[in-house]
């Protein structure tokens, strides 16, 4: 993130020459991995295009996000399609091609585990409202490995037990 944060500071500099000089200096002292190289290329393209009136920088910004964040969207799609199953974070990393939590948390604000719990809790809440299934059945249908885990996580999130939640609706 240091590179990206510095890039935004550099963009505020007064001349293109200063921008290029500072970026070159930064790159010499902080080699980038492949993903950051691509991100920096897109940021530079957007920056230089935005200097010219009538440029199409907004199209490049949209293309940047499609290119850079495609793997994370694949991981999110995988979670949405499989949240009822036992999901190993190694499988998620293999599907997305990103580290287990770093980039995922950067983009979603949640670790993969937190996101998975949120999906499971939302589904369980929906089942509590819309069905007469037992709390135990709902816990397992939502992907929890045990009733006690479900009850603990549900109560922590909603400050009420699943059974009390059901009777309150």
Protein backbone atom coordinates (compact mmCIF):
# COMPACT_ATOMS: atom_id res chain seq x y z
CA UNK A 1 0.00 0.00 0.00
CA UNK A 2 2.92 2.36 0.54
CA UNK A 3 3.47 2.60 -3.21
CA UNK A 4 -0.20 3.33 -3.93
CA UNK A 5 -0.46 5.85 -1.09
CA UNK A 6 2.66 7.60 -2.35
CA UNK A 7 1.25 7.64 -5.87
CA UNK A 8 -1.73 9.71 -4.76
CA UNK A 9 0.59 12.16 -3.02
CA UNK A 10 2.71 12.38 -6.15
CA UNK A 11 -0.31 13.03 -8.36
CA UNK A 12 -0.82 16.22 -6.36
CA UNK A 13 2.68 17.45 -7.31
CA UNK A 14 3.00 20.52 -9.47
CA UNK A 15 4.63 19.14 -12.60
CA UNK A 16 4.75 15.98 -14.64
CA UNK A 17 8.54 16.06 -14.41
CA UNK A 18 8.34 15.98 -10.61
CA UNK A 19 5.85 13.11 -10.81
CA UNK A 20 8.06 11.00 -13.05
CA UNK A 21 11.20 11.77 -11.03
CA UNK A 22 9.51 10.79 -7.75
CA UNK A 23 7.93 7.63 -9.22
CA UNK A 24 11.25 6.53 -10.68
CA UNK A 25 12.94 7.08 -7.34
CA UNK A 26 10.22 5.10 -5.57
CA UNK A 27 10.43 2.19 -7.99
CA UNK A 28 14.20 1.95 -7.73
CA UNK A 29 13.99 1.63 -3.94
CA UNK A 30 10.75 -0.41 -3.75
CA UNK A 31 10.51 -3.10 -6.45
CA UNK A 32 6.90 -4.04 -7.18
CA UNK A 33 5.30 -7.43 -7.48
CA UNK A 34 3.41 -8.15 -10.71
CA UNK A 35 -0.02 -7.08 -9.39
CA UNK A 36 1.32 -3.73 -8.13
CA UNK A 37 3.12 -3.17 -11.43
CA UNK A 38 -0.16 -3.55 -13.31
CA UNK A 39 -1.97 -1.29 -10.83
CA UNK A 40 0.71 1.37 -11.14
CA UNK A 41 0.56 1.23 -14.96
CA UNK A 42 -3.20 1.78 -14.85
CA UNK A 43 -2.87 4.61 -12.33
CA UNK A 44 -0.27 6.33 -14.49
CA UNK A 45 -2.39 5.95 -17.61
CA UNK A 46 -5.39 7.46 -15.84
CA UNK A 47 -3.27 10.26 -14.41
CA UNK A 48 -1.67 11.23 -17.71
CA UNK A 49 -4.95 11.01 -19.59
CA UNK A 50 -6.68 13.17 -17.00
CA UNK A 51 -4.17 15.95 -17.72
CA UNK A 52 -5.69 16.41 -21.17
CA UNK A 53 -9.16 17.90 -21.49
CA UNK A 54 -11.62 15.57 -23.15
CA UNK A 55 -9.68 12.40 -22.31
CA UNK A 56 -11.47 9.16 -21.54
CA UNK A 57 -9.88 8.48 -18.15
CA UNK A 58 -13.19 7.25 -16.72
CA UNK A 59 -13.16 4.35 -19.21
CA UNK A 60 -9.65 3.42 -18.11
CA UNK A 61 -10.69 3.53 -14.44
CA UNK A 62 -13.54 1.08 -15.11
CA UNK A 63 -11.20 -1.20 -17.09
CA UNK A 64 -8.65 -1.03 -14.27
CA UNK A 65 -11.10 -2.31 -11.71
CA UNK A 66 -12.32 -5.06 -13.99
CA UNK A 67 -8.73 -6.19 -14.64
CA UNK A 68 -7.28 -5.89 -11.15
CA UNK A 69 -10.19 -7.14 -9.11
CA UNK A 70 -11.46 -10.01 -11.27
CA UNK A 71 -9.82 -12.61 -8.98
CA UNK A 72 -11.53 -11.22 -5.90
CA UNK A 73 -14.89 -11.21 -7.66
CA UNK A 74 -14.28 -14.88 -8.45
CA UNK A 75 -13.67 -15.54 -4.76
CA UNK A 76 -16.84 -13.69 -3.77
CA UNK A 77 -18.86 -15.59 -6.39
CA UNK A 78 -17.39 -18.84 -5.06
CA UNK A 79 -18.48 -17.94 -1.52
CA UNK A 80 -21.99 -17.01 -2.65
CA UNK A 81 -22.37 -20.28 -4.54
CA UNK A 82 -20.87 -22.52 -1.84
CA UNK A 83 -21.48 -20.89 1.55
CA UNK A 84 -23.65 -23.80 2.71
CA UNK A 85 -20.71 -26.18 2.30
CA UNK A 86 -17.57 -26.52 4.36
CA UNK A 87 -15.15 -24.13 2.69
CA UNK A 88 -11.43 -24.33 3.18
CA UNK A 89 -9.67 -21.00 2.81
CA UNK A 90 -6.98 -22.73 0.77
CA UNK A 91 -9.67 -23.62 -1.77
CA UNK A 92 -10.77 -19.98 -1.81
CA UNK A 93 -7.20 -18.82 -2.37
CA UNK A 94 -6.83 -21.33 -5.23
CA UNK A 95 -10.06 -20.15 -6.87
CA UNK A 96 -9.16 -16.48 -6.61
CA UNK A 97 -5.41 -16.59 -7.06
CA UNK A 98 -4.91 -14.12 -4.20
CA UNK A 99 -3.60 -14.48 -0.66
CA UNK A 100 -6.02 -15.88 1.83
CA UNK A 101 -7.11 -12.62 3.36
CA UNK A 102 -5.01 -9.58 2.55
CA UNK A 103 -6.46 -8.45 -0.77
CA UNK A 104 -9.89 -9.81 0.08
CA UNK A 105 -10.05 -7.70 3.23
CA UNK A 106 -8.72 -4.67 1.39
CA UNK A 107 -11.57 -4.84 -1.12
CA UNK A 108 -14.47 -6.01 1.04
CA UNK A 109 -13.57 -4.73 4.49
CA UNK A 110 -13.89 -8.28 5.83
CA UNK A 111 -11.58 -11.24 6.10
CA UNK A 112 -12.82 -14.22 4.06
CA UNK A 113 -13.89 -15.90 7.31
CA UNK A 114 -15.87 -12.84 8.46
CA UNK A 115 -17.53 -12.61 5.06
CA UNK A 116 -18.40 -16.30 5.13
CA UNK A 117 -19.93 -15.96 8.61
CA UNK A 118 -21.94 -12.96 7.41
CA UNK A 119 -23.35 -14.99 4.49
CA UNK A 120 -24.20 -17.91 6.75
CA UNK A 121 -25.83 -15.69 9.38
CA UNK A 122 -27.89 -13.84 6.77
CA UNK A 123 -29.10 -17.14 5.35
CA UNK A 124 -29.87 -18.51 8.82
CA UNK A 125 -31.78 -15.34 9.68
CA UNK A 126 -33.80 -15.71 6.48
CA UNK A 127 -34.62 -19.33 7.34
CA UNK A 128 -35.62 -18.36 10.89
CA UNK A 129 -38.05 -15.79 9.49
CA UNK A 130 -39.43 -17.75 6.52
CA UNK A 131 -39.53 -21.38 7.71
CA UNK A 132 -40.56 -23.52 10.64
CA UNK A 133 -37.33 -25.52 10.55
CA UNK A 134 -35.69 -26.22 13.90
CA UNK A 135 -32.79 -24.02 14.95
CA UNK A 136 -30.51 -27.07 14.75
CA UNK A 137 -31.57 -27.81 11.17
CA UNK A 138 -31.11 -24.16 10.21
CA UNK A 139 -27.62 -24.12 11.75
CA UNK A 140 -26.51 -27.05 9.61
CA UNK A 141 -28.33 -25.85 6.46
CA UNK A 142 -26.53 -22.52 6.77
CA UNK A 143 -23.17 -24.28 6.85
CA UNK A 144 -22.30 -24.21 10.54
CA UNK A 145 -20.48 -27.28 11.82
CA UNK A 146 -22.33 -27.40 15.13
CA UNK A 147 -25.33 -25.92 16.88
CA UNK A 148 -23.15 -24.45 19.63
CA UNK A 149 -20.99 -22.58 17.10
CA UNK A 150 -24.10 -21.27 15.36
CA UNK A 151 -25.67 -20.12 18.64
CA UNK A 152 -22.45 -18.42 19.78
CA UNK A 153 -21.89 -16.59 16.48
CA UNK A 154 -25.57 -15.66 16.11
CA UNK A 155 -25.76 -14.24 19.64
CA UNK A 156 -22.51 -12.32 19.21
CA UNK A 157 -23.78 -10.71 16.01
CA UNK A 158 -27.43 -10.03 16.91
CA UNK A 159 -27.18 -9.81 20.73
CA UNK A 160 -30.02 -12.34 20.97
CA UNK A 161 -30.25 -16.12 20.65
CA UNK A 162 -31.63 -17.60 17.43
CA UNK A 163 -34.64 -19.03 19.32
CA UNK A 164 -35.41 -15.65 20.92
CA UNK A 165 -34.98 -13.96 17.55
CA UNK A 166 -37.55 -16.31 16.03
CA UNK A 167 -40.12 -15.69 18.78
CA UNK A 168 -39.63 -11.92 18.53
CA UNK A 169 -40.73 -11.78 14.88
